[in-house]
């Protein structure tokens, strides 16, 4: 199951790359970044650099229907809570901001 999920994630990122590959400068896209700030490592799927603002993308390749209630995501098929991708995005945003501030 682990390998299956990793493969699905990779396929989702390839689809995202196809869509964003049609963008032209002044948009620059950096993929699969592994960074560190304040002794915390963090991974960014895609970072778009442009005039303002920087855009972070957390790519997911989930299948099915989902519900978002009270800050939580639920699969409608199983009614089970899934990991909230917005929390990962918020963490990356905060750590990237701290990293950029430390670099001036």
C-alpha atoms as a PDB file:
ATOM      1  CA  UNK A   1       0.000   0.000   0.000  1.00  0.00           C
ATOM      2  CA  UNK A   2       2.888   2.388   0.812  1.00  0.00           C
ATOM      3  CA  UNK A   3       4.416   1.945  -2.657  1.00  0.00           C
ATOM      4  CA  UNK A   4       0.982   2.319  -4.283  1.00  0.00           C
ATOM      5  CA  UNK A   5       0.395   5.634  -2.466  1.00  0.00           C
ATOM      6  CA  UNK A   6       3.863   6.925  -3.386  1.00  0.00           C
ATOM      7  CA  UNK A   7       3.250   6.022  -7.030  1.00  0.00           C
ATOM      8  CA  UNK A   8      -0.153   7.782  -7.017  1.00  0.00           C
ATOM      9  CA  UNK A   9       1.481  10.870  -5.503  1.00  0.00           C
ATOM     10  CA  UNK A  10       4.162  10.830  -8.170  1.00  0.00           C
ATOM     11  CA  UNK A  11       1.528  10.516 -10.912  1.00  0.00           C
ATOM     12  CA  UNK A  12      -0.355  13.485  -9.430  1.00  0.00           C
ATOM     13  CA  UNK A  13       2.812  15.578  -9.430  1.00  0.00           C
ATOM     14  CA  UNK A  14       3.470  14.637 -13.082  1.00  0.00           C
ATOM     15  CA  UNK A  15      -0.074  15.780 -14.002  1.00  0.00           C
ATOM     16  CA  UNK A  16       0.487  19.036 -12.113  1.00  0.00           C
ATOM     17  CA  UNK A  17       3.797  19.549 -13.953  1.00  0.00           C
ATOM     18  CA  UNK A  18       2.036  19.102 -17.299  1.00  0.00           C
ATOM     19  CA  UNK A  19      -0.457  21.814 -16.393  1.00  0.00           C
ATOM     20  CA  UNK A  20       2.091  24.259 -15.020  1.00  0.00           C
ATOM     21  CA  UNK A  21       4.529  23.526 -17.846  1.00  0.00           C
ATOM     22  CA  UNK A  22       2.332  25.649 -20.103  1.00  0.00           C
ATOM     23  CA  UNK A  23       3.077  28.781 -18.061  1.00  0.00           C
ATOM     24  CA  UNK A  24       5.545  31.242 -19.480  1.00  0.00           C
ATOM     25  CA  UNK A  25       8.013  33.560 -17.756  1.00  0.00           C
ATOM     26  CA  UNK A  26       8.000  35.552 -15.578  1.00  0.00           C
ATOM     27  CA  UNK A  27       6.680  32.466 -13.748  1.00  0.00           C
ATOM     28  CA  UNK A  28       9.390  30.069 -12.616  1.00  0.00           C
ATOM     29  CA  UNK A  29       8.503  26.771 -10.988  1.00  0.00           C
ATOM     30  CA  UNK A  30      10.785  24.830  -8.645  1.00  0.00           C
ATOM     31  CA  UNK A  31       9.710  21.274  -7.843  1.00  0.00           C
ATOM     32  CA  UNK A  32      10.478  18.843  -5.031  1.00  0.00           C
ATOM     33  CA  UNK A  33      12.396  21.163  -2.729  1.00  0.00           C
ATOM     34  CA  UNK A  34      13.808  19.865   0.535  1.00  0.00           C
ATOM     35  CA  UNK A  35      14.708  22.830   2.745  1.00  0.00           C
ATOM     36  CA  UNK A  36      15.640  23.463   6.349  1.00  0.00           C
ATOM     37  CA  UNK A  37      14.807  26.367   8.630  1.00  0.00           C
ATOM     38  CA  UNK A  38      15.389  26.617  12.397  1.00  0.00           C
ATOM     39  CA  UNK A  39      16.514  22.967  12.543  1.00  0.00           C
ATOM     40  CA  UNK A  40      13.266  21.852  10.864  1.00  0.00           C
ATOM     41  CA  UNK A  41      13.309  20.172   7.490  1.00  0.00           C
ATOM     42  CA  UNK A  42      10.369  20.716   5.166  1.00  0.00           C
ATOM     43  CA  UNK A  43       9.425  19.616   1.679  1.00  0.00           C
ATOM     44  CA  UNK A  44       7.672  21.734  -0.939  1.00  0.00           C
ATOM     45  CA  UNK A  45       6.070  19.986  -3.916  1.00  0.00           C
ATOM     46  CA  UNK A  46       6.149  23.107  -6.107  1.00  0.00           C
ATOM     47  CA  UNK A  47       7.167  26.705  -5.504  1.00  0.00           C
ATOM     48  CA  UNK A  48       6.222  29.309  -8.092  1.00  0.00           C
ATOM     49  CA  UNK A  49       8.503  32.314  -8.156  1.00  0.00           C
ATOM     50  CA  UNK A  50       7.074  35.415  -9.729  1.00  0.00           C
ATOM     51  CA  UNK A  51       6.914  39.132  -9.070  1.00  0.00           C
ATOM     52  CA  UNK A  52       4.626  38.870  -5.990  1.00  0.00           C
ATOM     53  CA  UNK A  53       3.677  36.708  -4.161  1.00  0.00           C
ATOM     54  CA  UNK A  54       5.521  33.390  -4.077  1.00  0.00           C
ATOM     55  CA  UNK A  55       3.036  30.543  -4.464  1.00  0.00           C
ATOM     56  CA  UNK A  56       3.319  27.199  -2.690  1.00  0.00           C
ATOM     57  CA  UNK A  57       1.584  24.111  -4.052  1.00  0.00           C
ATOM     58  CA  UNK A  58       1.005  20.897  -2.121  1.00  0.00           C
ATOM     59  CA  UNK A  59      -0.007  18.335  -4.750  1.00  0.00           C
ATOM     60  CA  UNK A  60      -2.343  15.494  -3.759  1.00  0.00           C
ATOM     61  CA  UNK A  61      -3.742  12.760  -5.968  1.00  0.00           C
ATOM     62  CA  UNK A  62      -6.678  11.545  -3.907  1.00  0.00           C
ATOM     63  CA  UNK A  63      -9.468   9.516  -5.437  1.00  0.00           C
ATOM     64  CA  UNK A  64     -13.097   9.866  -4.404  1.00  0.00           C
ATOM     65  CA  UNK A  65     -15.224  12.454  -2.665  1.00  0.00           C
ATOM     66  CA  UNK A  66     -14.268  14.272   0.494  1.00  0.00           C
ATOM     67  CA  UNK A  67     -15.953  16.465   3.024  1.00  0.00           C
ATOM     68  CA  UNK A  68     -14.334  19.349   4.925  1.00  0.00           C
ATOM     69  CA  UNK A  69     -15.864  20.084   8.343  1.00  0.00           C
ATOM     70  CA  UNK A  70     -14.464  21.972  11.325  1.00  0.00           C
ATOM     71  CA  UNK A  71     -10.934  21.995   9.896  1.00  0.00           C
ATOM     72  CA  UNK A  72     -10.942  18.255   9.128  1.00  0.00           C
ATOM     73  CA  UNK A  73     -11.150  16.256   5.901  1.00  0.00           C
ATOM     74  CA  UNK A  74     -13.242  13.078   5.699  1.00  0.00           C
ATOM     75  CA  UNK A  75     -13.530  10.482   2.972  1.00  0.00           C
ATOM     76  CA  UNK A  76     -17.196  10.165   2.055  1.00  0.00           C
ATOM     77  CA  UNK A  77     -16.705   6.527   1.035  1.00  0.00           C
ATOM     78  CA  UNK A  78     -15.350   5.399   4.411  1.00  0.00           C
ATOM     79  CA  UNK A  79     -16.331   8.369   6.614  1.00  0.00           C
ATOM     80  CA  UNK A  80     -12.774   8.265   8.001  1.00  0.00           C
ATOM     81  CA  UNK A  81     -10.699  11.341   8.687  1.00  0.00           C
ATOM     82  CA  UNK A  82      -7.717  11.840   6.394  1.00  0.00           C
ATOM     83  CA  UNK A  83      -4.568  13.873   6.928  1.00  0.00           C
ATOM     84  CA  UNK A  84      -5.317  17.557   6.377  1.00  0.00           C
ATOM     85  CA  UNK A  85      -3.084  18.794   3.512  1.00  0.00           C
ATOM     86  CA  UNK A  86      -3.749  22.408   4.519  1.00  0.00           C
ATOM     87  CA  UNK A  87      -1.832  21.873   7.765  1.00  0.00           C
ATOM     88  CA  UNK A  88       1.228  20.710   5.823  1.00  0.00           C
ATOM     89  CA  UNK A  89       0.917  23.723   3.529  1.00  0.00           C
ATOM     90  CA  UNK A  90       0.656  26.113   6.509  1.00  0.00           C
ATOM     91  CA  UNK A  91       3.761  24.576   8.085  1.00  0.00           C
ATOM     92  CA  UNK A  92       5.716  24.890   4.821  1.00  0.00           C
ATOM     93  CA  UNK A  93       4.589  28.482   4.389  1.00  0.00           C
ATOM     94  CA  UNK A  94       5.691  29.416   7.896  1.00  0.00           C
ATOM     95  CA  UNK A  95       9.073  27.695   7.602  1.00  0.00           C
ATOM     96  CA  UNK A  96       9.706  29.171   4.139  1.00  0.00           C
ATOM     97  CA  UNK A  97       8.881  32.643   5.465  1.00  0.00           C
ATOM     98  CA  UNK A  98      11.320  32.150   8.358  1.00  0.00           C
ATOM     99  CA  UNK A  99      14.009  30.890   5.960  1.00  0.00           C
ATOM    100  CA  UNK A 100      13.588  33.873   3.629  1.00  0.00           C
ATOM    101  CA  UNK A 101      13.661  36.302   6.556  1.00  0.00           C
ATOM    102  CA  UNK A 102      16.883  34.741   7.870  1.00  0.00           C
ATOM    103  CA  UNK A 103      18.434  35.146   4.396  1.00  0.00           C
ATOM    104  CA  UNK A 104      17.310  38.780   4.230  1.00  0.00           C
END
